[in-house]
Structures are given as C-alpha cells and as structure tokens.
Amino acid sequence: MFRVPTLCLCLLASLAIADESSSKPARLTVAQKNGWATYDAELKKKEDAVNKACGSSVKSSYDRSTYPAFDPMKDRTQSACQMAVGTLVEVCGTADGKAAVKETVKKTVCRLSTEGTKVSLDGSVMTIYIDPENTSITGKQPGSYSWKSAYEEVL
C-alpha cells in the first residue's frame, strides 16, 4: 500500500512532466519550415527597401508564437504583413516621416490577431496586428485607415 507522502511525490512528478511537455513547441513539418523560410525571405526584401528609403536599420520579423496552427498552404497573412512593412517606404517620402522612422522604429513585428488589424508602437518596436477576419485597419479615431495613416498617427 502507498503511503501518502509517496503518492504526493508521484503526483507532483507526473504534473511536472506534463507541464514540461506542454510548454515545448510543436515540431514543425518540412512544409511549415519551408513556409517560414519563404515568409522571412520575402519580409527581408521589404525590410531592405525600408532601410534604403529611410536610412534606417529596421529589423522585421513574425511573432511565430501567435501562429499556433501555422499552415503555409492556408495562411494568407504574409502578404498583409509584407504590405504593411513595405508601407514604411511611403512614410519616409517626407522629411518628417523619414526622421520619425529612422529615429523611432528599430523593429517591426507582425502578429496574427483576433482583435482587429492595427499598429502599435512600444518604445522602438512597431507591432503590426494582422486579423484575417477583420482586415480593415483601425486607429485611434473612428474611420478608415491605411497603413500609412495608421503609422503616421503613432509616429
């Protein structure tokens, strides 16, 4: 017969093992790895164009943790992210826009969102929220936004 302390230790050990296994990320398939590689390569092209136009050193990435069931054959947010990052080139079309991007934005991060398509700036990180179900870009004021107008509002 089990003693209570032994039983408790066994339960705690099994809970710890279960907790460790649930915190490990799922193994990516070859299709997913190739999909992310393509996404990253295309985003790098937009990043390079922004840095050339703005005289900046912005780094861009996807927040992969927000893509829990990423399927490169079904996901269509990559083009929205690339378009959003690429729009920074337009912002740099004016001296004030160029200065704002160069001085403020060090990193852009695209996140899959379920709470709307929008942008936020936290320190030097510009987070671009892409909601495939709600593609209208929102800002601080009611109405329709473009990426450019949303950026100019936070910069």
C-alpha atoms as a PDB file:
ATOM      1  CA  MET A   1       0.000   0.000   0.000  1.00  0.00           C
ATOM      2  CA  PHE A   2       1.237   3.507  -0.854  1.00  0.00           C
ATOM      3  CA  ARG A   3       1.977   5.958   1.850  1.00  0.00           C
ATOM      4  CA  VAL A   4       0.524   9.454   1.436  1.00  0.00           C
ATOM      5  CA  PRO A   5       3.919  11.259   1.029  1.00  0.00           C
ATOM      6  CA  THR A   6       4.991   8.790  -1.675  1.00  0.00           C
ATOM      7  CA  LEU A   7       1.709   9.205  -3.507  1.00  0.00           C
ATOM      8  CA  CYS A   8       2.029  13.006  -3.331  1.00  0.00           C
ATOM      9  CA  LEU A   9       5.554  12.873  -4.753  1.00  0.00           C
ATOM     10  CA  CYS A  10       4.380  10.685  -7.610  1.00  0.00           C
ATOM     11  CA  LEU A  11       1.540  13.081  -8.420  1.00  0.00           C
ATOM     12  CA  LEU A  12       3.843  16.110  -8.293  1.00  0.00           C
ATOM     13  CA  ALA A  13       6.382  14.404 -10.538  1.00  0.00           C
ATOM     14  CA  SER A  14       3.741  13.494 -13.107  1.00  0.00           C
ATOM     15  CA  LEU A  15       2.378  17.052 -13.055  1.00  0.00           C
ATOM     16  CA  ALA A  16       5.867  18.452 -13.598  1.00  0.00           C
ATOM     17  CA  ILE A  17       6.439  16.115 -16.548  1.00  0.00           C
ATOM     18  CA  ALA A  18       3.068  17.062 -18.055  1.00  0.00           C
ATOM     19  CA  ASP A  19       3.856  20.747 -17.590  1.00  0.00           C
ATOM     20  CA  GLU A  20       7.241  20.403 -19.312  1.00  0.00           C
ATOM     21  CA  SER A  21       5.787  18.587 -22.294  1.00  0.00           C
ATOM     22  CA  SER A  22       3.015  21.145 -22.769  1.00  0.00           C
ATOM     23  CA  SER A  23       5.492  24.044 -22.809  1.00  0.00           C
ATOM     24  CA  LYS A  24       7.574  22.583 -25.624  1.00  0.00           C
ATOM     25  CA  PRO A  25       6.692  23.955 -29.055  1.00  0.00           C
ATOM     26  CA  ALA A  26       5.222  21.508 -31.518  1.00  0.00           C
ATOM     27  CA  ARG A  27       7.610  20.067 -34.055  1.00  0.00           C
ATOM     28  CA  LEU A  28       7.415  21.889 -37.355  1.00  0.00           C
ATOM     29  CA  THR A  29       6.826  19.942 -40.547  1.00  0.00           C
ATOM     30  CA  VAL A  30       9.059  20.449 -43.573  1.00  0.00           C
ATOM     31  CA  ALA A  31       6.226  22.389 -45.246  1.00  0.00           C
ATOM     32  CA  GLN A  32       5.988  24.691 -42.224  1.00  0.00           C
ATOM     33  CA  LYS A  33       9.762  25.221 -42.109  1.00  0.00           C
ATOM     34  CA  ASN A  34       9.815  25.983 -45.827  1.00  0.00           C
ATOM     35  CA  GLY A  35       6.811  28.280 -45.427  1.00  0.00           C
ATOM     36  CA  TRP A  36       8.505  30.269 -42.670  1.00  0.00           C
ATOM     37  CA  ALA A  37      11.723  30.469 -44.688  1.00  0.00           C
ATOM     38  CA  THR A  38       9.794  31.911 -47.644  1.00  0.00           C
ATOM     39  CA  TYR A  39       7.914  34.353 -45.393  1.00  0.00           C
ATOM     40  CA  ASP A  40      11.178  35.507 -43.811  1.00  0.00           C
ATOM     41  CA  ALA A  41      12.943  35.916 -47.178  1.00  0.00           C
ATOM     42  CA  GLU A  42      10.099  37.998 -48.628  1.00  0.00           C
ATOM     43  CA  LEU A  43       9.850  40.112 -45.482  1.00  0.00           C
ATOM     44  CA  LYS A  44      13.617  40.711 -45.644  1.00  0.00           C
ATOM     45  CA  LYS A  45      13.144  42.255 -49.120  1.00  0.00           C
ATOM     46  CA  LYS A  46      10.604  44.725 -47.673  1.00  0.00           C
ATOM     47  CA  GLU A  47      12.929  45.417 -44.730  1.00  0.00           C
ATOM     48  CA  ASP A  48      15.785  46.208 -47.138  1.00  0.00           C
ATOM     49  CA  ALA A  49      13.573  48.602 -49.133  1.00  0.00           C
ATOM     50  CA  VAL A  50      12.515  50.387 -45.935  1.00  0.00           C
ATOM     51  CA  ASN A  51      16.090  50.737 -44.733  1.00  0.00           C
ATOM     52  CA  LYS A  52      17.214  52.080 -48.101  1.00  0.00           C
ATOM     53  CA  ALA A  53      14.380  54.625 -48.309  1.00  0.00           C
ATOM     54  CA  CYS A  54      14.523  55.676 -44.665  1.00  0.00           C
ATOM     55  CA  GLY A  55      18.252  55.474 -43.965  1.00  0.00           C
ATOM     56  CA  SER A  56      17.352  53.220 -41.061  1.00  0.00           C
ATOM     57  CA  SER A  57      18.346  49.828 -39.694  1.00  0.00           C
ATOM     58  CA  VAL A  58      14.892  48.376 -39.039  1.00  0.00           C
ATOM     59  CA  LYS A  59      14.681  44.614 -38.442  1.00  0.00           C
ATOM     60  CA  SER A  60      11.437  42.818 -39.266  1.00  0.00           C
ATOM     61  CA  SER A  61      10.009  39.510 -38.116  1.00  0.00           C
ATOM     62  CA  TYR A  62       6.890  37.485 -37.474  1.00  0.00           C
ATOM     63  CA  ASP A  63       5.786  36.709 -33.936  1.00  0.00           C
ATOM     64  CA  ARG A  64       5.576  32.983 -34.587  1.00  0.00           C
ATOM     65  CA  SER A  65       4.062  32.303 -31.176  1.00  0.00           C
ATOM     66  CA  THR A  66       0.842  33.924 -32.431  1.00  0.00           C
ATOM     67  CA  TYR A  67       0.578  31.344 -35.233  1.00  0.00           C
ATOM     68  CA  PRO A  68      -0.290  28.223 -33.214  1.00  0.00           C
ATOM     69  CA  ALA A  69      -1.568  26.157 -36.128  1.00  0.00           C
ATOM     70  CA  PHE A  70       0.502  27.661 -38.928  1.00  0.00           C
ATOM     71  CA  ASP A  71      -0.223  26.101 -42.294  1.00  0.00           C
ATOM     72  CA  PRO A  72       1.672  27.802 -45.136  1.00  0.00           C
ATOM     73  CA  MET A  73      -0.766  26.345 -47.639  1.00  0.00           C
ATOM     74  CA  LYS A  74      -3.748  28.094 -45.975  1.00  0.00           C
ATOM     75  CA  ASP A  75      -2.310  31.148 -44.246  1.00  0.00           C
ATOM     76  CA  ARG A  76      -2.667  34.383 -46.164  1.00  0.00           C
ATOM     77  CA  THR A  77      -1.346  36.902 -43.635  1.00  0.00           C
ATOM     78  CA  GLN A  78       2.157  37.059 -45.102  1.00  0.00           C
ATOM     79  CA  SER A  79       1.127  39.394 -47.916  1.00  0.00           C
ATOM     80  CA  ALA A  80      -0.622  41.707 -45.452  1.00  0.00           C
ATOM     81  CA  CYS A  81       2.489  41.796 -43.267  1.00  0.00           C
ATOM     82  CA  GLN A  82       4.766  42.459 -46.229  1.00  0.00           C
ATOM     83  CA  MET A  83       2.481  45.229 -47.470  1.00  0.00           C
ATOM     84  CA  ALA A  84       2.333  46.774 -44.010  1.00  0.00           C
ATOM     85  CA  VAL A  85       6.123  46.762 -43.551  1.00  0.00           C
ATOM     86  CA  GLY A  86       6.665  47.975 -47.111  1.00  0.00           C
ATOM     87  CA  THR A  87       4.380  50.959 -46.491  1.00  0.00           C
ATOM     88  CA  LEU A  88       7.055  52.447 -44.250  1.00  0.00           C
ATOM     89  CA  VAL A  89       8.795  53.397 -47.524  1.00  0.00           C
ATOM     90  CA  GLU A  90       5.856  55.737 -48.223  1.00  0.00           C
ATOM     91  CA  VAL A  91       6.084  57.245 -44.738  1.00  0.00           C
ATOM     92  CA  CYS A  92       9.736  58.046 -45.472  1.00  0.00           C
ATOM     93  CA  GLY A  93       8.622  60.039 -48.530  1.00  0.00           C
ATOM     94  CA  THR A  94       8.600  63.186 -46.382  1.00  0.00           C
ATOM     95  CA  ALA A  95      11.441  64.579 -44.283  1.00  0.00           C
ATOM     96  CA  ASP A  96       9.365  64.317 -41.087  1.00  0.00           C
ATOM     97  CA  GLY A  97       8.317  60.759 -41.867  1.00  0.00           C
ATOM     98  CA  LYS A  98      11.860  59.715 -42.692  1.00  0.00           C
ATOM     99  CA  ALA A  99      13.179  61.248 -39.468  1.00  0.00           C
ATOM    100  CA  ALA A 100      10.428  59.598 -37.401  1.00  0.00           C
ATOM    101  CA  VAL A 101      11.085  56.134 -38.823  1.00  0.00           C
ATOM    102  CA  LYS A 102      14.865  56.486 -38.624  1.00  0.00           C
ATOM    103  CA  GLU A 103      14.849  57.763 -35.041  1.00  0.00           C
ATOM    104  CA  THR A 104      11.979  55.727 -33.617  1.00  0.00           C
ATOM    105  CA  VAL A 105      11.500  52.356 -35.303  1.00  0.00           C
ATOM    106  CA  LYS A 106      14.166  49.716 -34.719  1.00  0.00           C
ATOM    107  CA  LYS A 107      11.985  46.655 -35.184  1.00  0.00           C
ATOM    108  CA  THR A 108       8.701  45.663 -36.797  1.00  0.00           C
ATOM    109  CA  VAL A 109       6.864  42.548 -35.682  1.00  0.00           C
ATOM    110  CA  CYS A 110       3.857  41.058 -37.431  1.00  0.00           C
ATOM    111  CA  ARG A 111       1.424  39.261 -35.144  1.00  0.00           C
ATOM    112  CA  LEU A 112      -1.580  37.157 -36.030  1.00  0.00           C
ATOM    113  CA  SER A 113      -4.519  38.861 -34.332  1.00  0.00           C
ATOM    114  CA  THR A 114      -8.121  38.106 -33.490  1.00  0.00           C
ATOM    115  CA  GLU A 115      -8.757  41.630 -32.216  1.00  0.00           C
ATOM    116  CA  GLY A 116      -8.530  43.666 -35.397  1.00  0.00           C
ATOM    117  CA  THR A 117      -5.909  44.867 -37.860  1.00  0.00           C
ATOM    118  CA  LYS A 118      -3.916  47.752 -36.399  1.00  0.00           C
ATOM    119  CA  VAL A 119      -0.492  49.026 -35.415  1.00  0.00           C
ATOM    120  CA  SER A 120       1.063  49.970 -32.096  1.00  0.00           C
ATOM    121  CA  LEU A 121       4.403  51.436 -31.102  1.00  0.00           C
ATOM    122  CA  ASP A 122       6.016  50.405 -27.844  1.00  0.00           C
ATOM    123  CA  GLY A 123       9.395  52.066 -27.457  1.00  0.00           C
ATOM    124  CA  SER A 124      11.207  51.283 -30.685  1.00  0.00           C
ATOM    125  CA  VAL A 125       9.114  48.212 -31.590  1.00  0.00           C
ATOM    126  CA  MET A 126       6.298  48.667 -34.076  1.00  0.00           C
ATOM    127  CA  THR A 127       3.823  45.802 -33.774  1.00  0.00           C
ATOM    128  CA  ILE A 128       1.614  45.139 -36.767  1.00  0.00           C
ATOM    129  CA  TYR A 129      -1.520  43.181 -35.891  1.00  0.00           C
ATOM    130  CA  ILE A 130      -2.994  41.226 -38.805  1.00  0.00           C
ATOM    131  CA  ASP A 131      -6.522  39.904 -38.303  1.00  0.00           C
ATOM    132  CA  PRO A 132      -7.572  37.801 -41.313  1.00  0.00           C
ATOM    133  CA  GLU A 133     -11.226  38.015 -40.226  1.00  0.00           C
ATOM    134  CA  ASN A 134     -11.194  41.806 -39.750  1.00  0.00           C
ATOM    135  CA  THR A 135      -8.889  43.320 -42.355  1.00  0.00           C
ATOM    136  CA  SER A 136      -9.957  46.963 -42.003  1.00  0.00           C
ATOM    137  CA  ILE A 137      -7.097  48.904 -40.427  1.00  0.00           C
ATOM    138  CA  THR A 138      -8.152  50.704 -37.274  1.00  0.00           C
ATOM    139  CA  GLY A 139      -6.554  53.620 -35.499  1.00  0.00           C
ATOM    140  CA  LYS A 140      -7.138  55.915 -32.556  1.00  0.00           C
ATOM    141  CA  GLN A 141     -10.035  57.712 -34.249  1.00  0.00           C
ATOM    142  CA  PRO A 142     -13.138  56.199 -35.852  1.00  0.00           C
ATOM    143  CA  GLY A 143     -12.959  55.720 -39.573  1.00  0.00           C
ATOM    144  CA  SER A 144     -10.973  54.024 -42.255  1.00  0.00           C
ATOM    145  CA  TYR A 145      -7.187  53.924 -42.116  1.00  0.00           C
ATOM    146  CA  SER A 146      -4.439  52.964 -44.490  1.00  0.00           C
ATOM    147  CA  TRP A 147      -1.173  51.567 -43.149  1.00  0.00           C
ATOM    148  CA  LYS A 148       0.434  54.910 -43.939  1.00  0.00           C
ATOM    149  CA  SER A 149      -2.112  56.938 -41.991  1.00  0.00           C
ATOM    150  CA  ALA A 150      -2.017  54.485 -39.079  1.00  0.00           C
ATOM    151  CA  TYR A 151       1.791  54.730 -38.951  1.00  0.00           C
ATOM    152  CA  GLU A 152       1.766  58.496 -39.117  1.00  0.00           C
ATOM    153  CA  GLU A 153      -0.688  58.530 -36.211  1.00  0.00           C
ATOM    154  CA  VAL A 154       1.642  56.528 -33.918  1.00  0.00           C
ATOM    155  CA  LEU A 155       4.872  58.140 -35.119  1.00  0.00           C
END
